[in-house]
Amino acid sequence: MLKSFLKDYSEDRVETFNFVLLTIFTWGAFSLYWLGKINKNYKRQTKNLLVSEGLIITAGVFAFVELLFIYMALGSGLEGDLGGLQMFNTLSYIGFWGYMIVNIVIAFHIKNTILHMYIKQKIKFENHPTYNFNIFFTLLFGVIYVCYKFNAIHNYNKIK
């Protein structure tokens, strides 16, 4: 299962630095696109979803809300309406924090799903730096850390 998933993952593989840049420049949309692609490939290989599609859609809604309110704040600021600027800027934080929280929830769901796959395939992951997901980094970086770990696992299994 892991080998076939990693074979499909090699088509969707994005270097972590490029992933970060694309996610920043697309206001989070690239990470959602990437998650959708690996979710589809994982389902093709295992008949289960890597992460719920509802979580990906929820993250997309929060990213849209943040972007919408930022554009509204920008419009208010250009018109000279400082009250509207402050209000829309404050409302954009709803989208930002919602996106960040859902991003972390998605990362932990993926971490748990991958750990279940290790257990089913009897892969020793405890104290293994490549296979083991660090909880602190998962919490701090979310989906970016998941991309990094998938790339590390892919490279490790390619060498083996």
C-alpha atoms as a PDB file:
ATOM      1  CA  MET A   1       0.000   0.000   0.000  1.00  0.00           C
ATOM      2  CA  LEU A   2       2.709   2.485   0.996  1.00  0.00           C
ATOM      3  CA  LYS A   3       4.858   1.667  -2.036  1.00  0.00           C
ATOM      4  CA  SER A   4       1.969   2.119  -4.469  1.00  0.00           C
ATOM      5  CA  PHE A   5       0.906   5.367  -2.778  1.00  0.00           C
ATOM      6  CA  LEU A   6       4.473   6.704  -2.938  1.00  0.00           C
ATOM      7  CA  LYS A   7       4.685   5.735  -6.607  1.00  0.00           C
ATOM      8  CA  ASP A   8       1.575   7.821  -7.320  1.00  0.00           C
ATOM      9  CA  TYR A   9       2.885  10.537  -4.999  1.00  0.00           C
ATOM     10  CA  SER A  10       5.975  10.945  -7.167  1.00  0.00           C
ATOM     11  CA  GLU A  11       3.707  12.481  -9.836  1.00  0.00           C
ATOM     12  CA  ASP A  12       2.253  14.994  -7.346  1.00  0.00           C
ATOM     13  CA  ARG A  13       5.506  15.624  -5.489  1.00  0.00           C
ATOM     14  CA  VAL A  14       6.359  19.278  -4.850  1.00  0.00           C
ATOM     15  CA  GLU A  15       9.535  20.391  -3.130  1.00  0.00           C
ATOM     16  CA  THR A  16       8.762  21.861   0.283  1.00  0.00           C
ATOM     17  CA  PHE A  17      10.255  25.281  -0.526  1.00  0.00           C
ATOM     18  CA  ASN A  18       8.182  25.503  -3.718  1.00  0.00           C
ATOM     19  CA  PHE A  19       5.128  24.334  -1.772  1.00  0.00           C
ATOM     20  CA  VAL A  20       5.578  27.155   0.754  1.00  0.00           C
ATOM     21  CA  LEU A  21       6.034  29.788  -1.956  1.00  0.00           C
ATOM     22  CA  LEU A  22       3.051  28.593  -3.993  1.00  0.00           C
ATOM     23  CA  THR A  23       0.859  28.436  -0.880  1.00  0.00           C
ATOM     24  CA  ILE A  24       1.813  31.980   0.120  1.00  0.00           C
ATOM     25  CA  PHE A  25       1.357  33.465  -3.352  1.00  0.00           C
ATOM     26  CA  THR A  26      -2.013  31.758  -3.885  1.00  0.00           C
ATOM     27  CA  TRP A  27      -3.352  32.623  -0.409  1.00  0.00           C
ATOM     28  CA  GLY A  28      -3.554  28.945   0.574  1.00  0.00           C
ATOM     29  CA  ALA A  29      -5.285  27.701  -2.573  1.00  0.00           C
ATOM     30  CA  PHE A  30      -2.302  25.647  -3.752  1.00  0.00           C
ATOM     31  CA  SER A  31      -2.159  23.647  -0.518  1.00  0.00           C
ATOM     32  CA  LEU A  32      -5.851  22.811  -0.936  1.00  0.00           C
ATOM     33  CA  TYR A  33      -5.279  21.751  -4.549  1.00  0.00           C
ATOM     34  CA  TRP A  34      -2.306  19.586  -3.497  1.00  0.00           C
ATOM     35  CA  LEU A  35      -4.314  18.025  -0.676  1.00  0.00           C
ATOM     36  CA  GLY A  36      -7.108  17.181  -3.096  1.00  0.00           C
ATOM     37  CA  LYS A  37      -4.671  15.490  -5.477  1.00  0.00           C
ATOM     38  CA  ILE A  38      -2.929  13.350  -2.856  1.00  0.00           C
ATOM     39  CA  ASN A  39      -6.291  12.555  -1.250  1.00  0.00           C
ATOM     40  CA  LYS A  40      -7.531  11.224  -4.600  1.00  0.00           C
ATOM     41  CA  ASN A  41      -4.368   9.166  -5.156  1.00  0.00           C
ATOM     42  CA  TYR A  42      -4.508   7.761  -1.625  1.00  0.00           C
ATOM     43  CA  LYS A  43      -8.140   6.751  -2.114  1.00  0.00           C
ATOM     44  CA  ARG A  44      -7.266   5.046  -5.409  1.00  0.00           C
ATOM     45  CA  GLN A  45      -4.596   2.952  -3.644  1.00  0.00           C
ATOM     46  CA  THR A  46      -6.289   2.216  -0.312  1.00  0.00           C
ATOM     47  CA  LYS A  47     -10.032   2.751  -0.904  1.00  0.00           C
ATOM     48  CA  ASN A  48      -9.990   5.184   2.052  1.00  0.00           C
ATOM     49  CA  LEU A  49      -9.555   8.936   2.176  1.00  0.00           C
ATOM     50  CA  LEU A  50      -6.372  10.400   3.581  1.00  0.00           C
ATOM     51  CA  VAL A  51      -8.370  13.300   5.010  1.00  0.00           C
ATOM     52  CA  SER A  52     -12.044  14.162   4.837  1.00  0.00           C
ATOM     53  CA  GLU A  53     -13.023  16.172   1.785  1.00  0.00           C
ATOM     54  CA  GLY A  54     -15.211  18.273   4.069  1.00  0.00           C
ATOM     55  CA  LEU A  55     -12.121  19.501   5.924  1.00  0.00           C
ATOM     56  CA  ILE A  56     -10.477  20.523   2.651  1.00  0.00           C
ATOM     57  CA  ILE A  57     -13.630  22.391   1.617  1.00  0.00           C
ATOM     58  CA  THR A  58     -13.829  24.066   5.039  1.00  0.00           C
ATOM     59  CA  ALA A  59     -10.245  25.288   4.704  1.00  0.00           C
ATOM     60  CA  GLY A  60     -11.121  26.617   1.247  1.00  0.00           C
ATOM     61  CA  VAL A  61     -14.125  28.500   2.626  1.00  0.00           C
ATOM     62  CA  PHE A  62     -11.995  30.108   5.340  1.00  0.00           C
ATOM     63  CA  ALA A  63      -9.330  31.078   2.784  1.00  0.00           C
ATOM     64  CA  PHE A  64     -12.060  32.645   0.607  1.00  0.00           C
ATOM     65  CA  VAL A  65     -13.545  34.531   3.578  1.00  0.00           C
ATOM     66  CA  GLU A  66     -10.134  35.915   4.500  1.00  0.00           C
ATOM     67  CA  LEU A  67      -9.409  37.026   0.965  1.00  0.00           C
ATOM     68  CA  LEU A  68     -12.885  38.555   0.571  1.00  0.00           C
ATOM     69  CA  PHE A  69     -12.588  40.675   3.707  1.00  0.00           C
ATOM     70  CA  ILE A  70      -9.049  41.746   2.854  1.00  0.00           C
ATOM     71  CA  TYR A  71     -10.216  42.987  -0.550  1.00  0.00           C
ATOM     72  CA  MET A  72     -13.156  44.760   1.100  1.00  0.00           C
ATOM     73  CA  ALA A  73     -10.746  46.376   3.599  1.00  0.00           C
ATOM     74  CA  LEU A  74      -8.494  47.424   0.751  1.00  0.00           C
ATOM     75  CA  GLY A  75     -11.442  48.991  -1.064  1.00  0.00           C
ATOM     76  CA  SER A  76     -12.557  50.821   2.067  1.00  0.00           C
ATOM     77  CA  GLY A  77      -9.031  52.083   2.678  1.00  0.00           C
ATOM     78  CA  LEU A  78      -8.724  53.388  -0.874  1.00  0.00           C
ATOM     79  CA  GLU A  79     -12.041  55.222  -0.506  1.00  0.00           C
ATOM     80  CA  GLY A  80     -10.832  56.822   2.723  1.00  0.00           C
ATOM     81  CA  ASP A  81     -13.306  54.968   4.971  1.00  0.00           C
ATOM     82  CA  LEU A  82     -11.014  54.168   7.901  1.00  0.00           C
ATOM     83  CA  GLY A  83     -13.848  52.704   9.993  1.00  0.00           C
ATOM     84  CA  GLY A  84     -14.699  50.226   7.237  1.00  0.00           C
ATOM     85  CA  LEU A  85     -11.015  49.459   6.775  1.00  0.00           C
ATOM     86  CA  GLN A  86     -10.638  48.560  10.441  1.00  0.00           C
ATOM     87  CA  MET A  87     -13.864  46.507  10.503  1.00  0.00           C
ATOM     88  CA  PHE A  88     -13.060  44.464   7.367  1.00  0.00           C
ATOM     89  CA  ASN A  89      -9.474  43.981   8.482  1.00  0.00           C
ATOM     90  CA  THR A  90     -10.713  42.605  11.811  1.00  0.00           C
ATOM     91  CA  LEU A  91     -13.211  40.324  10.045  1.00  0.00           C
ATOM     92  CA  SER A  92     -10.437  38.968   7.815  1.00  0.00           C
ATOM     93  CA  TYR A  93      -8.872  37.460  10.941  1.00  0.00           C
ATOM     94  CA  ILE A  94     -11.865  35.106  11.168  1.00  0.00           C
ATOM     95  CA  GLY A  95     -10.858  33.617   7.843  1.00  0.00           C
ATOM     96  CA  PHE A  96      -7.163  33.600   8.689  1.00  0.00           C
ATOM     97  CA  TRP A  97      -7.475  31.854  12.056  1.00  0.00           C
ATOM     98  CA  GLY A  98     -10.137  29.481  10.732  1.00  0.00           C
ATOM     99  CA  TYR A  99      -7.839  28.492   7.861  1.00  0.00           C
ATOM    100  CA  MET A 100      -4.871  28.020  10.199  1.00  0.00           C
ATOM    101  CA  ILE A 101      -6.832  25.884  12.667  1.00  0.00           C
ATOM    102  CA  VAL A 102      -8.338  23.705   9.925  1.00  0.00           C
ATOM    103  CA  ASN A 103      -4.845  23.415   8.383  1.00  0.00           C
ATOM    104  CA  ILE A 104      -3.511  21.987  11.656  1.00  0.00           C
ATOM    105  CA  VAL A 105      -6.508  19.647  12.029  1.00  0.00           C
ATOM    106  CA  ILE A 106      -5.904  18.363   8.485  1.00  0.00           C
ATOM    107  CA  ALA A 107      -2.207  17.820   9.256  1.00  0.00           C
ATOM    108  CA  PHE A 108      -3.024  15.757  12.357  1.00  0.00           C
ATOM    109  CA  HIS A 109      -5.626  13.730  10.432  1.00  0.00           C
ATOM    110  CA  ILE A 110      -3.030  12.915   7.782  1.00  0.00           C
ATOM    111  CA  LYS A 111      -0.454  12.085  10.468  1.00  0.00           C
ATOM    112  CA  ASN A 112      -2.847   9.650  12.141  1.00  0.00           C
ATOM    113  CA  THR A 113      -3.903   8.060   8.838  1.00  0.00           C
ATOM    114  CA  ILE A 114      -0.282   7.494   7.823  1.00  0.00           C
ATOM    115  CA  LEU A 115       0.542   6.044  11.267  1.00  0.00           C
ATOM    116  CA  HIS A 116      -2.377   3.601  10.883  1.00  0.00           C
ATOM    117  CA  MET A 117      -0.949   2.570   7.504  1.00  0.00           C
ATOM    118  CA  TYR A 118       2.439   1.943   9.144  1.00  0.00           C
ATOM    119  CA  ILE A 119       0.798  -0.211  11.805  1.00  0.00           C
ATOM    120  CA  LYS A 120      -1.188  -2.232   9.237  1.00  0.00           C
ATOM    121  CA  GLN A 121       1.930  -2.842   7.166  1.00  0.00           C
ATOM    122  CA  LYS A 122       4.085  -3.523  10.244  1.00  0.00           C
ATOM    123  CA  ILE A 123       6.497  -0.697   9.436  1.00  0.00           C
ATOM    124  CA  LYS A 124       8.582   0.279  12.464  1.00  0.00           C
ATOM    125  CA  PHE A 125       8.078   4.029  12.818  1.00  0.00           C
ATOM    126  CA  GLU A 126       8.870   4.704  16.477  1.00  0.00           C
ATOM    127  CA  ASN A 127      12.196   6.488  16.856  1.00  0.00           C
ATOM    128  CA  HIS A 128      12.643   6.462  13.074  1.00  0.00           C
ATOM    129  CA  PRO A 129      13.410  10.033  11.937  1.00  0.00           C
ATOM    130  CA  THR A 130      11.956   9.583   8.453  1.00  0.00           C
ATOM    131  CA  TYR A 131       8.702   7.824   9.272  1.00  0.00           C
ATOM    132  CA  ASN A 132       7.896   9.438  12.608  1.00  0.00           C
ATOM    133  CA  PHE A 133       5.904  12.691  12.517  1.00  0.00           C
ATOM    134  CA  ASN A 134       7.028  15.253  15.091  1.00  0.00           C
ATOM    135  CA  ILE A 135       3.981  16.555  16.963  1.00  0.00           C
ATOM    136  CA  PHE A 136       5.527  19.976  17.610  1.00  0.00           C
ATOM    137  CA  PHE A 137       6.348  20.565  13.931  1.00  0.00           C
ATOM    138  CA  THR A 138       2.944  19.232  12.874  1.00  0.00           C
ATOM    139  CA  LEU A 139       1.299  21.747  15.188  1.00  0.00           C
ATOM    140  CA  LEU A 140       3.592  24.598  14.137  1.00  0.00           C
ATOM    141  CA  PHE A 141       3.672  24.133  10.353  1.00  0.00           C
ATOM    142  CA  GLY A 142       0.558  22.045   9.578  1.00  0.00           C
ATOM    143  CA  VAL A 143       0.231  20.929   5.956  1.00  0.00           C
ATOM    144  CA  ILE A 144       3.677  22.311   5.075  1.00  0.00           C
ATOM    145  CA  TYR A 145       5.212  19.773   7.475  1.00  0.00           C
ATOM    146  CA  VAL A 146       3.080  17.016   5.931  1.00  0.00           C
ATOM    147  CA  CYS A 147       4.484  17.928   2.504  1.00  0.00           C
ATOM    148  CA  TYR A 148       8.001  17.822   3.928  1.00  0.00           C
ATOM    149  CA  LYS A 149       7.425  14.405   5.550  1.00  0.00           C
ATOM    150  CA  PHE A 150       5.888  12.923   2.395  1.00  0.00           C
ATOM    151  CA  ASN A 151       8.919  14.116   0.428  1.00  0.00           C
ATOM    152  CA  ALA A 152      11.280  12.624   3.041  1.00  0.00           C
ATOM    153  CA  ILE A 153       9.417   9.292   3.067  1.00  0.00           C
ATOM    154  CA  HIS A 154       9.369   9.260  -0.737  1.00  0.00           C
ATOM    155  CA  ASN A 155      13.130   9.918  -0.926  1.00  0.00           C
ATOM    156  CA  TYR A 156      13.880   7.327   1.777  1.00  0.00           C
ATOM    157  CA  ASN A 157      11.882   4.604   0.037  1.00  0.00           C
ATOM    158  CA  LYS A 158      13.401   5.515  -3.336  1.00  0.00           C
ATOM    159  CA  ILE A 159      16.893   4.951  -1.872  1.00  0.00           C
ATOM    160  CA  LYS A 160      15.936   1.696  -0.141  1.00  0.00           C
END
